[in-house]
Amino acid sequence: MVGGGVVADIAKHSSLHQARDNASKTQSLMNRFKRELTEVKLKTNFQIEMDGFTKVADFFFNGFLMGFLVQSKINASYDDISSVKRQVSQVLSQLSSMKNKVESDIISKQVELETFIHQA
């Protein structure tokens, strides 16, 4: 977090740039997932954000304080991503339960139909 020079800053920000790209791709996939979930009447609120000011400020005010702020942002982002991961797992579990119920209903209706046909 302390010092390191321009080369270290460039390497660090290259990694941050890649993380931002990955977050952007993930956000796009999450938005697509949210749109698809509306078809089965499930609402979600997934959001992953990256702060561009921290990158610029870290370049100009490189030091312990900015390193600490950047680390705080990283930790907050990690917590946000962990929360989104839990939410996605819960949604997938709900979808699995819904699928099982629909399959059970289909089997029940098939049995009901066969019974009706045999009685006719």
PDB file of N, CA and C in Angstrom:
ATOM      1  N   MET A   1       0.800  -1.192   0.000  1.00  0.00           N
ATOM      2  CA  MET A   1       0.000   0.000   0.000  1.00  0.00           C
ATOM      3  C   MET A   1       0.848   1.263   0.000  1.00  0.00           C
ATOM      4  N   VAL A   2       2.079   1.206   0.485  1.00  0.00           N
ATOM      5  CA  VAL A   2       2.899   2.403   0.615  1.00  0.00           C
ATOM      6  C   VAL A   2       3.940   2.428  -0.486  1.00  0.00           C
ATOM      7  N   GLY A   3       4.051   3.567  -1.195  1.00  0.00           N
ATOM      8  CA  GLY A   3       5.111   3.763  -2.178  1.00  0.00           C
ATOM      9  C   GLY A   3       5.053   2.778  -3.322  1.00  0.00           C
ATOM     10  N   GLY A   4       6.216   2.591  -3.961  1.00  0.00           N
ATOM     11  CA  GLY A   4       6.297   1.625  -5.029  1.00  0.00           C
ATOM     12  C   GLY A   4       6.636   2.246  -6.358  1.00  0.00           C
ATOM     13  N   GLY A   5       6.412   3.532  -6.512  1.00  0.00           N
ATOM     14  CA  GLY A   5       6.792   4.213  -7.729  1.00  0.00           C
ATOM     15  C   GLY A   5       5.783   4.069  -8.847  1.00  0.00           C
ATOM     16  N   VAL A   6       6.148   4.702  -9.963  1.00  0.00           N
ATOM     17  CA  VAL A   6       5.262   4.773 -11.121  1.00  0.00           C
ATOM     18  C   VAL A   6       5.014   3.394 -11.725  1.00  0.00           C
ATOM     19  N   VAL A   7       6.055   2.571 -11.829  1.00  0.00           N
ATOM     20  CA  VAL A   7       5.897   1.238 -12.421  1.00  0.00           C
ATOM     21  C   VAL A   7       4.912   0.404 -11.609  1.00  0.00           C
ATOM     22  N   ALA A   8       5.041   0.463 -10.290  1.00  0.00           N
ATOM     23  CA  ALA A   8       4.111  -0.279  -9.429  1.00  0.00           C
ATOM     24  C   ALA A   8       2.696   0.262  -9.581  1.00  0.00           C
ATOM     25  N   ASP A   9       2.568   1.604  -9.689  1.00  0.00           N
ATOM     26  CA  ASP A   9       1.245   2.205  -9.880  1.00  0.00           C
ATOM     27  C   ASP A   9       0.618   1.748 -11.192  1.00  0.00           C
ATOM     28  N   ILE A  10       1.420   1.727 -12.254  1.00  0.00           N
ATOM     29  CA  ILE A  10       0.904   1.303 -13.557  1.00  0.00           C
ATOM     30  C   ILE A  10       0.472  -0.156 -13.504  1.00  0.00           C
ATOM     31  N   ALA A  11       1.277  -1.006 -12.887  1.00  0.00           N
ATOM     32  CA  ALA A  11       0.915  -2.425 -12.766  1.00  0.00           C
ATOM     33  C   ALA A  11      -0.356  -2.586 -11.942  1.00  0.00           C
ATOM     34  N   LYS A  12      -0.434  -1.836 -10.847  1.00  0.00           N
ATOM     35  CA  LYS A  12      -1.612  -1.916  -9.976  1.00  0.00           C
ATOM     36  C   LYS A  12      -2.855  -1.470 -10.737  1.00  0.00           C
ATOM     37  N   HIS A  13      -2.740  -0.372 -11.471  1.00  0.00           N
ATOM     38  CA  HIS A  13      -3.904   0.154 -12.172  1.00  0.00           C
ATOM     39  C   HIS A  13      -4.259  -0.679 -13.394  1.00  0.00           C
ATOM     40  N   SER A  14      -3.285  -1.388 -13.939  1.00  0.00           N
ATOM     41  CA  SER A  14      -3.593  -2.345 -14.998  1.00  0.00           C
ATOM     42  C   SER A  14      -4.481  -3.455 -14.437  1.00  0.00           C
ATOM     43  N   SER A  15      -4.131  -3.921 -13.245  1.00  0.00           N
ATOM     44  CA  SER A  15      -4.959  -4.939 -12.585  1.00  0.00           C
ATOM     45  C   SER A  15      -6.333  -4.379 -12.244  1.00  0.00           C
ATOM     46  N   LEU A  16      -6.377  -3.122 -11.788  1.00  0.00           N
ATOM     47  CA  LEU A  16      -7.661  -2.489 -11.488  1.00  0.00           C
ATOM     48  C   LEU A  16      -8.499  -2.340 -12.753  1.00  0.00           C
ATOM     49  N   HIS A  17      -7.838  -2.003 -13.873  1.00  0.00           N
ATOM     50  CA  HIS A  17      -8.548  -1.875 -15.149  1.00  0.00           C
ATOM     51  C   HIS A  17      -9.156  -3.219 -15.552  1.00  0.00           C
ATOM     52  N   GLN A  18      -8.388  -4.283 -15.401  1.00  0.00           N
ATOM     53  CA  GLN A  18      -8.904  -5.610 -15.728  1.00  0.00           C
ATOM     54  C   GLN A  18     -10.059  -5.975 -14.795  1.00  0.00           C
ATOM     55  N   ALA A  19      -9.926  -5.633 -13.522  1.00  0.00           N
ATOM     56  CA  ALA A  19     -11.011  -5.901 -12.570  1.00  0.00           C
ATOM     57  C   ALA A  19     -12.262  -5.120 -12.961  1.00  0.00           C
ATOM     58  N   ARG A  20     -12.085  -3.871 -13.386  1.00  0.00           N
ATOM     59  CA  ARG A  20     -13.220  -3.057 -13.816  1.00  0.00           C
ATOM     60  C   ARG A  20     -13.874  -3.675 -15.055  1.00  0.00           C
ATOM     61  N   ASP A  21     -13.054  -4.138 -16.009  1.00  0.00           N
ATOM     62  CA  ASP A  21     -13.600  -4.797 -17.199  1.00  0.00           C
ATOM     63  C   ASP A  21     -14.393  -6.043 -16.816  1.00  0.00           C
ATOM     64  N   ASN A  22     -13.823  -6.837 -15.913  1.00  0.00           N
ATOM     65  CA  ASN A  22     -14.523  -8.044 -15.461  1.00  0.00           C
ATOM     66  C   ASN A  22     -15.820  -7.690 -14.744  1.00  0.00           C
ATOM     67  N   ALA A  23     -15.790  -6.634 -13.939  1.00  0.00           N
ATOM     68  CA  ALA A  23     -17.002  -6.196 -13.239  1.00  0.00           C
ATOM     69  C   ALA A  23     -18.052  -5.732 -14.240  1.00  0.00           C
ATOM     70  N   SER A  24     -17.616  -5.037 -15.278  1.00  0.00           N
ATOM     71  CA  SER A  24     -18.546  -4.563 -16.306  1.00  0.00           C
ATOM     72  C   SER A  24     -19.187  -5.736 -17.046  1.00  0.00           C
ATOM     73  N   LYS A  25     -18.374  -6.723 -17.416  1.00  0.00           N
ATOM     74  CA  LYS A  25     -18.913  -7.918 -18.084  1.00  0.00           C
ATOM     75  C   LYS A  25     -19.877  -8.658 -17.166  1.00  0.00           C
ATOM     76  N   THR A  26     -19.491  -8.762 -15.897  1.00  0.00           N
ATOM     77  CA  THR A  26     -20.351  -9.435 -14.925  1.00  0.00           C
ATOM     78  C   THR A  26     -21.662  -8.686 -14.770  1.00  0.00           C
ATOM     79  N   GLN A  27     -21.590  -7.348 -14.712  1.00  0.00           N
ATOM     80  CA  GLN A  27     -22.813  -6.546 -14.584  1.00  0.00           C
ATOM     81  C   GLN A  27     -23.718  -6.760 -15.793  1.00  0.00           C
ATOM     82  N   SER A  28     -23.142  -6.843 -16.986  1.00  0.00           N
ATOM     83  CA  SER A  28     -23.946  -7.103 -18.188  1.00  0.00           C
ATOM     84  C   SER A  28     -24.642  -8.454 -18.092  1.00  0.00           C
ATOM     85  N   LEU A  29     -23.906  -9.463 -17.649  1.00  0.00           N
ATOM     86  CA  LEU A  29     -24.507 -10.792 -17.486  1.00  0.00           C
ATOM     87  C   LEU A  29     -25.589 -10.781 -16.410  1.00  0.00           C
ATOM     88  N   MET A  30     -25.348 -10.036 -15.323  1.00  0.00           N
ATOM     89  CA  MET A  30     -26.344  -9.955 -14.254  1.00  0.00           C
ATOM     90  C   MET A  30     -27.608  -9.248 -14.747  1.00  0.00           C
ATOM     91  N   ASN A  31     -27.444  -8.206 -15.568  1.00  0.00           N
ATOM     92  CA  ASN A  31     -28.611  -7.518 -16.125  1.00  0.00           C
ATOM     93  C   ASN A  31     -29.414  -8.449 -17.023  1.00  0.00           C
ATOM     94  N   ARG A  32     -28.722  -9.252 -17.820  1.00  0.00           N
ATOM     95  CA  ARG A  32     -29.407 -10.237 -18.667  1.00  0.00           C
ATOM     96  C   ARG A  32     -30.151 -11.253 -17.802  1.00  0.00           C
ATOM     97  N   PHE A  33     -29.496 -11.710 -16.740  1.00  0.00           N
ATOM     98  CA  PHE A  33     -30.099 -12.660 -15.803  1.00  0.00           C
ATOM     99  C   PHE A  33     -31.354 -12.050 -15.178  1.00  0.00           C
ATOM    100  N   LYS A  34     -31.278 -10.770 -14.777  1.00  0.00           N
ATOM    101  CA  LYS A  34     -32.430 -10.085 -14.185  1.00  0.00           C
ATOM    102  C   LYS A  34     -33.590 -10.014 -15.177  1.00  0.00           C
ATOM    103  N   ARG A  35     -33.285  -9.699 -16.451  1.00  0.00           N
ATOM    104  CA  ARG A  35     -34.350  -9.642 -17.466  1.00  0.00           C
ATOM    105  C   ARG A  35     -35.017 -10.998 -17.625  1.00  0.00           C
ATOM    106  N   GLU A  36     -34.221 -12.052 -17.638  1.00  0.00           N
ATOM    107  CA  GLU A  36     -34.781 -13.391 -17.788  1.00  0.00           C
ATOM    108  C   GLU A  36     -35.602 -13.791 -16.569  1.00  0.00           C
ATOM    109  N   LEU A  37     -35.208 -13.317 -15.388  1.00  0.00           N
ATOM    110  CA  LEU A  37     -35.952 -13.648 -14.174  1.00  0.00           C
ATOM    111  C   LEU A  37     -37.322 -12.983 -14.142  1.00  0.00           C
ATOM    112  N   THR A  38     -37.473 -11.864 -14.848  1.00  0.00           N
ATOM    113  CA  THR A  38     -38.791 -11.219 -14.871  1.00  0.00           C
ATOM    114  C   THR A  38     -39.821 -12.121 -15.532  1.00  0.00           C
ATOM    115  N   GLU A  39     -39.376 -13.008 -16.410  1.00  0.00           N
ATOM    116  CA  GLU A  39     -40.288 -13.943 -17.070  1.00  0.00           C
ATOM    117  C   GLU A  39     -40.877 -14.946 -16.091  1.00  0.00           C
ATOM    118  N   VAL A  40     -40.189 -15.212 -14.999  1.00  0.00           N
ATOM    119  CA  VAL A  40     -40.703 -16.146 -13.988  1.00  0.00           C
ATOM    120  C   VAL A  40     -41.116 -15.408 -12.718  1.00  0.00           C
ATOM    121  N   LYS A  41     -41.297 -14.096 -12.850  1.00  0.00           N
ATOM    122  CA  LYS A  41     -41.831 -13.261 -11.761  1.00  0.00           C
ATOM    123  C   LYS A  41     -40.925 -13.201 -10.528  1.00  0.00           C
ATOM    124  N   LEU A  42     -39.619 -13.227 -10.720  1.00  0.00           N
ATOM    125  CA  LEU A  42     -38.674 -13.053  -9.610  1.00  0.00           C
ATOM    126  C   LEU A  42     -37.983 -11.712  -9.774  1.00  0.00           C
ATOM    127  N   LYS A  43     -37.969 -10.918  -8.711  1.00  0.00           N
ATOM    128  CA  LYS A  43     -37.303  -9.615  -8.762  1.00  0.00           C
ATOM    129  C   LYS A  43     -35.955  -9.711  -8.063  1.00  0.00           C
ATOM    130  N   THR A  44     -34.965  -9.040  -8.643  1.00  0.00           N
ATOM    131  CA  THR A  44     -33.627  -9.009  -8.057  1.00  0.00           C
ATOM    132  C   THR A  44     -33.068  -7.602  -8.174  1.00  0.00           C
ATOM    133  N   ASN A  45     -32.004  -7.341  -7.444  1.00  0.00           N
ATOM    134  CA  ASN A  45     -31.332  -6.050  -7.530  1.00  0.00           C
ATOM    135  C   ASN A  45     -29.829  -6.272  -7.403  1.00  0.00           C
ATOM    136  N   PHE A  46     -29.218  -6.768  -8.469  1.00  0.00           N
ATOM    137  CA  PHE A  46     -27.786  -7.007  -8.477  1.00  0.00           C
ATOM    138  C   PHE A  46     -27.091  -5.762  -9.009  1.00  0.00           C
ATOM    139  N   GLN A  47     -26.044  -5.309  -8.344  1.00  0.00           N
ATOM    140  CA  GLN A  47     -25.312  -4.142  -8.815  1.00  0.00           C
ATOM    141  C   GLN A  47     -23.857  -4.246  -8.380  1.00  0.00           C
ATOM    142  N   ILE A  48     -22.946  -4.083  -9.330  1.00  0.00           N
ATOM    143  CA  ILE A  48     -21.517  -4.061  -9.037  1.00  0.00           C
ATOM    144  C   ILE A  48     -20.985  -2.740  -9.570  1.00  0.00           C
ATOM    145  N   GLU A  49     -20.338  -1.952  -8.712  1.00  0.00           N
ATOM    146  CA  GLU A  49     -19.865  -0.633  -9.123  1.00  0.00           C
ATOM    147  C   GLU A  49     -18.360  -0.504  -8.919  1.00  0.00           C
ATOM    148  N   MET A  50     -17.747   0.272  -9.795  1.00  0.00           N
ATOM    149  CA  MET A  50     -16.329   0.598  -9.674  1.00  0.00           C
ATOM    150  C   MET A  50     -16.210   2.120  -9.660  1.00  0.00           C
ATOM    151  N   ASP A  51     -15.329   2.666  -8.824  1.00  0.00           N
ATOM    152  CA  ASP A  51     -15.175   4.109  -8.668  1.00  0.00           C
ATOM    153  C   ASP A  51     -13.923   4.586  -9.387  1.00  0.00           C
ATOM    154  N   GLY A  52     -14.096   5.370 -10.449  1.00  0.00           N
ATOM    155  CA  GLY A  52     -12.975   5.872 -11.229  1.00  0.00           C
ATOM    156  C   GLY A  52     -12.148   6.919 -10.512  1.00  0.00           C
ATOM    157  N   PHE A  53     -12.752   7.717  -9.613  1.00  0.00           N
ATOM    158  CA  PHE A  53     -12.010   8.776  -8.920  1.00  0.00           C
ATOM    159  C   PHE A  53     -10.867   8.205  -8.098  1.00  0.00           C
ATOM    160  N   THR A  54     -11.086   7.070  -7.474  1.00  0.00           N
ATOM    161  CA  THR A  54     -10.054   6.485  -6.618  1.00  0.00           C
ATOM    162  C   THR A  54      -8.792   6.199  -7.421  1.00  0.00           C
ATOM    163  N   LYS A  55      -8.949   5.733  -8.659  1.00  0.00           N
ATOM    164  CA  LYS A  55      -7.795   5.441  -9.507  1.00  0.00           C
ATOM    165  C   LYS A  55      -7.004   6.717  -9.789  1.00  0.00           C
ATOM    166  N   VAL A  56      -7.696   7.779 -10.191  1.00  0.00           N
ATOM    167  CA  VAL A  56      -7.029   9.039 -10.499  1.00  0.00           C
ATOM    168  C   VAL A  56      -6.366   9.611  -9.251  1.00  0.00           C
ATOM    169  N   ALA A  57      -7.084   9.619  -8.150  1.00  0.00           N
ATOM    170  CA  ALA A  57      -6.545  10.167  -6.907  1.00  0.00           C
ATOM    171  C   ALA A  57      -5.321   9.379  -6.454  1.00  0.00           C
ATOM    172  N   ASP A  58      -5.336   8.064  -6.645  1.00  0.00           N
ATOM    173  CA  ASP A  58      -4.201   7.238  -6.225  1.00  0.00           C
ATOM    174  C   ASP A  58      -2.954   7.591  -7.030  1.00  0.00           C
ATOM    175  N   PHE A  59      -3.114   7.886  -8.329  1.00  0.00           N
ATOM    176  CA  PHE A  59      -1.967   8.290  -9.140  1.00  0.00           C
ATOM    177  C   PHE A  59      -1.345   9.579  -8.611  1.00  0.00           C
ATOM    178  N   PHE A  60      -2.181  10.561  -8.290  1.00  0.00           N
ATOM    179  CA  PHE A  60      -1.680  11.877  -7.905  1.00  0.00           C
ATOM    180  C   PHE A  60      -1.301  11.985  -6.435  1.00  0.00           C
ATOM    181  N   PHE A  61      -1.973  11.274  -5.588  1.00  0.00           N
ATOM    182  CA  PHE A  61      -1.734  11.378  -4.149  1.00  0.00           C
ATOM    183  C   PHE A  61      -1.248  10.050  -3.582  1.00  0.00           C
ATOM    184  N   ASN A  62      -0.369   9.395  -4.325  1.00  0.00           N
ATOM    185  CA  ASN A  62       0.093   8.071  -3.918  1.00  0.00           C
ATOM    186  C   ASN A  62       0.678   8.138  -2.517  1.00  0.00           C
ATOM    187  N   GLY A  63       0.221   7.275  -1.680  1.00  0.00           N
ATOM    188  CA  GLY A  63       0.710   7.241  -0.320  1.00  0.00           C
ATOM    189  C   GLY A  63      -0.171   6.346   0.520  1.00  0.00           C
ATOM    190  N   PHE A  64       0.114   6.365   1.791  1.00  0.00           N
ATOM    191  CA  PHE A  64      -0.587   5.467   2.704  1.00  0.00           C
ATOM    192  C   PHE A  64      -2.087   5.718   2.718  1.00  0.00           C
ATOM    193  N   LEU A  65      -2.500   6.997   2.792  1.00  0.00           N
ATOM    194  CA  LEU A  65      -3.928   7.310   2.869  1.00  0.00           C
ATOM    195  C   LEU A  65      -4.668   6.813   1.634  1.00  0.00           C
ATOM    196  N   MET A  66      -4.133   7.116   0.442  1.00  0.00           N
ATOM    197  CA  MET A  66      -4.817   6.669  -0.778  1.00  0.00           C
ATOM    198  C   MET A  66      -4.762   5.150  -0.896  1.00  0.00           C
ATOM    199  N   GLY A  67      -3.633   4.563  -0.492  1.00  0.00           N
ATOM    200  CA  GLY A  67      -3.554   3.103  -0.492  1.00  0.00           C
ATOM    201  C   GLY A  67      -4.611   2.503   0.412  1.00  0.00           C
ATOM    202  N   PHE A  68      -4.796   3.127   1.564  1.00  0.00           N
ATOM    203  CA  PHE A  68      -5.824   2.670   2.504  1.00  0.00           C
ATOM    204  C   PHE A  68      -7.216   2.820   1.894  1.00  0.00           C
ATOM    205  N   LEU A  69      -7.472   3.980   1.241  1.00  0.00           N
ATOM    206  CA  LEU A  69      -8.777   4.198   0.612  1.00  0.00           C
ATOM    207  C   LEU A  69      -9.031   3.189  -0.508  1.00  0.00           C
ATOM    208  N   VAL A  70      -7.997   2.938  -1.312  1.00  0.00           N
ATOM    209  CA  VAL A  70      -8.137   1.958  -2.393  1.00  0.00           C
ATOM    210  C   VAL A  70      -8.410   0.577  -1.807  1.00  0.00           C
ATOM    211  N   GLN A  71      -7.668   0.217  -0.761  1.00  0.00           N
ATOM    212  CA  GLN A  71      -7.884  -1.085  -0.120  1.00  0.00           C
ATOM    213  C   GLN A  71      -9.297  -1.168   0.454  1.00  0.00           C
ATOM    214  N   SER A  72      -9.784  -0.071   1.015  1.00  0.00           N
ATOM    215  CA  SER A  72     -11.157  -0.044   1.542  1.00  0.00           C
ATOM    216  C   SER A  72     -12.164  -0.275   0.426  1.00  0.00           C
ATOM    217  N   LYS A  73     -11.921   0.359  -0.735  1.00  0.00           N
ATOM    218  CA  LYS A  73     -12.810   0.158  -1.889  1.00  0.00           C
ATOM    219  C   LYS A  73     -12.766  -1.296  -2.349  1.00  0.00           C
ATOM    220  N   ILE A  74     -11.576  -1.874  -2.371  1.00  0.00           N
ATOM    221  CA  ILE A  74     -11.435  -3.277  -2.771  1.00  0.00           C
ATOM    222  C   ILE A  74     -12.223  -4.165  -1.815  1.00  0.00           C
ATOM    223  N   ASN A  75     -12.077  -3.922  -0.516  1.00  0.00           N
ATOM    224  CA  ASN A  75     -12.808  -4.722   0.475  1.00  0.00           C
ATOM    225  C   ASN A  75     -14.313  -4.549   0.330  1.00  0.00           C
ATOM    226  N   ALA A  76     -14.760  -3.311   0.098  1.00  0.00           N
ATOM    227  CA  ALA A  76     -16.196  -3.062  -0.085  1.00  0.00           C
ATOM    228  C   ALA A  76     -16.699  -3.767  -1.340  1.00  0.00           C
ATOM    229  N   SER A  77     -15.916  -3.719  -2.415  1.00  0.00           N
ATOM    230  CA  SER A  77     -16.302  -4.400  -3.651  1.00  0.00           C
ATOM    231  C   SER A  77     -16.372  -5.904  -3.438  1.00  0.00           C
ATOM    232  N   TYR A  78     -15.413  -6.439  -2.695  1.00  0.00           N
ATOM    233  CA  TYR A  78     -15.416  -7.873  -2.395  1.00  0.00           C
ATOM    234  C   TYR A  78     -16.685  -8.248  -1.628  1.00  0.00           C
ATOM    235  N   ASP A  79     -17.041  -7.418  -0.642  1.00  0.00           N
ATOM    236  CA  ASP A  79     -18.263  -7.673   0.124  1.00  0.00           C
ATOM    237  C   ASP A  79     -19.497  -7.606  -0.775  1.00  0.00           C
ATOM    238  N   ASP A  80     -19.529  -6.617  -1.687  1.00  0.00           N
ATOM    239  CA  ASP A  80     -20.656  -6.496  -2.618  1.00  0.00           C
ATOM    240  C   ASP A  80     -20.761  -7.727  -3.510  1.00  0.00           C
ATOM    241  N   ILE A  81     -19.620  -8.172  -4.016  1.00  0.00           N
ATOM    242  CA  ILE A  81     -19.611  -9.340  -4.898  1.00  0.00           C
ATOM    243  C   ILE A  81     -20.042 -10.588  -4.136  1.00  0.00           C
ATOM    244  N   SER A  82     -19.599 -10.722  -2.895  1.00  0.00           N
ATOM    245  CA  SER A  82     -20.023 -11.860  -2.070  1.00  0.00           C
ATOM    246  C   SER A  82     -21.528 -11.829  -1.852  1.00  0.00           C
ATOM    247  N   SER A  83     -22.072 -10.642  -1.642  1.00  0.00           N
ATOM    248  CA  SER A  83     -23.516 -10.491  -1.460  1.00  0.00           C
ATOM    249  C   SER A  83     -24.264 -10.880  -2.733  1.00  0.00           C
ATOM    250  N   VAL A  84     -23.776 -10.420  -3.873  1.00  0.00           N
ATOM    251  CA  VAL A  84     -24.405 -10.764  -5.154  1.00  0.00           C
ATOM    252  C   VAL A  84     -24.344 -12.273  -5.374  1.00  0.00           C
ATOM    253  N   LYS A  85     -23.217 -12.873  -5.035  1.00  0.00           N
ATOM    254  CA  LYS A  85     -23.068 -14.324  -5.195  1.00  0.00           C
ATOM    255  C   LYS A  85     -24.101 -15.061  -4.345  1.00  0.00           C
ATOM    256  N   ARG A  86     -24.307 -14.604  -3.101  1.00  0.00           N
ATOM    257  CA  ARG A  86     -25.327 -15.219  -2.239  1.00  0.00           C
ATOM    258  C   ARG A  86     -26.723 -15.037  -2.831  1.00  0.00           C
ATOM    259  N   GLN A  87     -27.000 -13.839  -3.349  1.00  0.00           N
ATOM    260  CA  GLN A  87     -28.304 -13.576  -3.947  1.00  0.00           C
ATOM    261  C   GLN A  87     -28.550 -14.475  -5.153  1.00  0.00           C
ATOM    262  N   VAL A  88     -27.536 -14.623  -5.995  1.00  0.00           N
ATOM    263  CA  VAL A  88     -27.669 -15.484  -7.174  1.00  0.00           C
ATOM    264  C   VAL A  88     -27.917 -16.924  -6.739  1.00  0.00           C
ATOM    265  N   SER A  89     -27.199 -17.385  -5.722  1.00  0.00           N
ATOM    266  CA  SER A  89     -27.411 -18.748  -5.214  1.00  0.00           C
ATOM    267  C   SER A  89     -28.837 -18.925  -4.707  1.00  0.00           C
ATOM    268  N   GLN A  90     -29.360 -17.910  -4.007  1.00  0.00           N
ATOM    269  CA  GLN A  90     -30.737 -17.984  -3.515  1.00  0.00           C
ATOM    270  C   GLN A  90     -31.735 -18.025  -4.670  1.00  0.00           C
ATOM    271  N   VAL A  91     -31.497 -17.199  -5.685  1.00  0.00           N
ATOM    272  CA  VAL A  91     -32.389 -17.182  -6.845  1.00  0.00           C
ATOM    273  C   VAL A  91     -32.343 -18.525  -7.562  1.00  0.00           C
ATOM    274  N   LEU A  92     -31.150 -19.080  -7.738  1.00  0.00           N
ATOM    275  CA  LEU A  92     -31.036 -20.385  -8.395  1.00  0.00           C
ATOM    276  C   LEU A  92     -31.749 -21.464  -7.589  1.00  0.00           C
ATOM    277  N   SER A  93     -31.670 -21.376  -6.275  1.00  0.00           N
ATOM    278  CA  SER A  93     -32.382 -22.322  -5.417  1.00  0.00           C
ATOM    279  C   SER A  93     -33.892 -22.170  -5.591  1.00  0.00           C
ATOM    280  N   GLN A  94     -34.371 -20.917  -5.641  1.00  0.00           N
ATOM    281  CA  GLN A  94     -35.795 -20.676  -5.870  1.00  0.00           C
ATOM    282  C   GLN A  94     -36.231 -21.230  -7.221  1.00  0.00           C
ATOM    283  N   LEU A  95     -35.420 -20.991  -8.237  1.00  0.00           N
ATOM    284  CA  LEU A  95     -35.745 -21.497  -9.571  1.00  0.00           C
ATOM    285  C   LEU A  95     -35.800 -23.016  -9.583  1.00  0.00           C
ATOM    286  N   SER A  96     -34.882 -23.648  -8.885  1.00  0.00           N
ATOM    287  CA  SER A  96     -34.878 -25.108  -8.804  1.00  0.00           C
ATOM    288  C   SER A  96     -36.148 -25.608  -8.122  1.00  0.00           C
ATOM    289  N   SER A  97     -36.547 -24.945  -7.044  1.00  0.00           N
ATOM    290  CA  SER A  97     -37.781 -25.327  -6.345  1.00  0.00           C
ATOM    291  C   SER A  97     -38.992 -25.135  -7.247  1.00  0.00           C
ATOM    292  N   MET A  98     -39.012 -24.019  -7.973  1.00  0.00           N
ATOM    293  CA  MET A  98     -40.124 -23.764  -8.892  1.00  0.00           C
ATOM    294  C   MET A  98     -40.174 -24.827  -9.984  1.00  0.00           C
ATOM    295  N   LYS A  99     -39.010 -25.194 -10.512  1.00  0.00           N
ATOM    296  CA  LYS A  99     -38.936 -26.218 -11.559  1.00  0.00           C
ATOM    297  C   LYS A  99     -39.461 -27.547 -11.030  1.00  0.00           C
ATOM    298  N   ASN A 100     -39.037 -27.922  -9.820  1.00  0.00           N
ATOM    299  CA  ASN A 100     -39.501 -29.183  -9.228  1.00  0.00           C
ATOM    300  C   ASN A 100     -41.010 -29.185  -9.033  1.00  0.00           C
ATOM    301  N   LYS A 101     -41.572 -28.055  -8.609  1.00  0.00           N
ATOM    302  CA  LYS A 101     -43.015 -27.963  -8.415  1.00  0.00           C
ATOM    303  C   LYS A 101     -43.743 -28.091  -9.749  1.00  0.00           C
ATOM    304  N   VAL A 102     -43.254 -27.408 -10.770  1.00  0.00           N
ATOM    305  CA  VAL A 102     -43.875 -27.487 -12.096  1.00  0.00           C
ATOM    306  C   VAL A 102     -43.813 -28.915 -12.623  1.00  0.00           C
ATOM    307  N   GLU A 103     -42.674 -29.578 -12.472  1.00  0.00           N
ATOM    308  CA  GLU A 103     -42.552 -30.970 -12.925  1.00  0.00           C
ATOM    309  C   GLU A 103     -43.517 -31.870 -12.166  1.00  0.00           C
ATOM    310  N   SER A 104     -43.646 -31.649 -10.870  1.00  0.00           N
ATOM    311  CA  SER A 104     -44.585 -32.428 -10.060  1.00  0.00           C
ATOM    312  C   SER A 104     -46.024 -32.176 -10.506  1.00  0.00           C
ATOM    313  N   ASP A 105     -46.350 -30.916 -10.779  1.00  0.00           N
ATOM    314  CA  ASP A 105     -47.693 -30.578 -11.264  1.00  0.00           C
ATOM    315  C   ASP A 105     -47.977 -31.235 -12.613  1.00  0.00           C
ATOM    316  N   ILE A 106     -46.987 -31.266 -13.481  1.00  0.00           N
ATOM    317  CA  ILE A 106     -47.157 -31.899 -14.797  1.00  0.00           C
ATOM    318  C   ILE A 106     -47.446 -33.385 -14.632  1.00  0.00           C
ATOM    319  N   ILE A 107     -46.669 -34.056 -13.790  1.00  0.00           N
ATOM    320  CA  ILE A 107     -46.887 -35.491 -13.553  1.00  0.00           C
ATOM    321  C   ILE A 107     -48.274 -35.717 -12.974  1.00  0.00           C
ATOM    322  N   SER A 108     -48.672 -34.900 -12.032  1.00  0.00           N
ATOM    323  CA  SER A 108     -49.996 -35.023 -11.414  1.00  0.00           C
ATOM    324  C   SER A 108     -51.097 -34.849 -12.454  1.00  0.00           C
ATOM    325  N   LYS A 109     -50.956 -33.869 -13.324  1.00  0.00           N
ATOM    326  CA  LYS A 109     -51.964 -33.629 -14.369  1.00  0.00           C
ATOM    327  C   LYS A 109     -51.977 -34.763 -15.389  1.00  0.00           C
ATOM    328  N   GLN A 110     -50.806 -35.339 -15.689  1.00  0.00           N
ATOM    329  CA  GLN A 110     -50.763 -36.471 -16.616  1.00  0.00           C
ATOM    330  C   GLN A 110     -51.501 -37.669 -16.033  1.00  0.00           C
ATOM    331  N   VAL A 111     -51.281 -37.939 -14.752  1.00  0.00           N
ATOM    332  CA  VAL A 111     -51.976 -39.044 -14.080  1.00  0.00           C
ATOM    333  C   VAL A 111     -53.478 -38.772 -14.071  1.00  0.00           C
ATOM    334  N   GLU A 112     -53.847 -37.556 -13.778  1.00  0.00           N
ATOM    335  CA  GLU A 112     -55.257 -37.160 -13.760  1.00  0.00           C
ATOM    336  C   GLU A 112     -55.887 -37.343 -15.141  1.00  0.00           C
ATOM    337  N   LEU A 113     -55.171 -36.944 -16.187  1.00  0.00           N
ATOM    338  CA  LEU A 113     -55.669 -37.092 -17.556  1.00  0.00           C
ATOM    339  C   LEU A 113     -55.818 -38.561 -17.932  1.00  0.00           C
ATOM    340  N   GLU A 114     -54.815 -39.379 -17.602  1.00  0.00           N
ATOM    341  CA  GLU A 114     -54.889 -40.810 -17.914  1.00  0.00           C
ATOM    342  C   GLU A 114     -56.050 -41.466 -17.175  1.00  0.00           C
ATOM    343  N   THR A 115     -56.265 -41.096 -15.934  1.00  0.00           N
ATOM    344  CA  THR A 115     -57.383 -41.634 -15.156  1.00  0.00           C
ATOM    345  C   THR A 115     -58.700 -41.233 -15.796  1.00  0.00           C
ATOM    346  N   PHE A 116     -58.819 -39.997 -16.215  1.00  0.00           N
ATOM    347  CA  PHE A 116     -60.035 -39.509 -16.859  1.00  0.00           C
ATOM    348  C   PHE A 116     -60.293 -40.263 -18.158  1.00  0.00           C
ATOM    349  N   ILE A 117     -59.235 -40.473 -18.959  1.00  0.00           N
ATOM    350  CA  ILE A 117     -59.382 -41.178 -20.245  1.00  0.00           C
ATOM    351  C   ILE A 117     -59.820 -42.619 -20.017  1.00  0.00           C
ATOM    352  N   HIS A 118     -59.245 -43.295 -19.026  1.00  0.00           N
ATOM    353  CA  HIS A 118     -59.593 -44.696 -18.764  1.00  0.00           C
ATOM    354  C   HIS A 118     -61.008 -44.835 -18.216  1.00  0.00           C
ATOM    355  N   GLN A 119     -61.501 -43.825 -17.551  1.00  0.00           N
ATOM    356  CA  GLN A 119     -62.854 -43.872 -17.005  1.00  0.00           C
ATOM    357  C   GLN A 119     -63.897 -43.551 -18.065  1.00  0.00           C
ATOM    358  N   ALA A 120     -63.509 -42.917 -19.146  1.00  0.00           N
ATOM    359  CA  ALA A 120     -64.469 -42.504 -20.178  1.00  0.00           C
ATOM    360  C   ALA A 120     -64.901 -43.619 -21.066  1.00  0.00           C
TER     361      ALA A 120
END
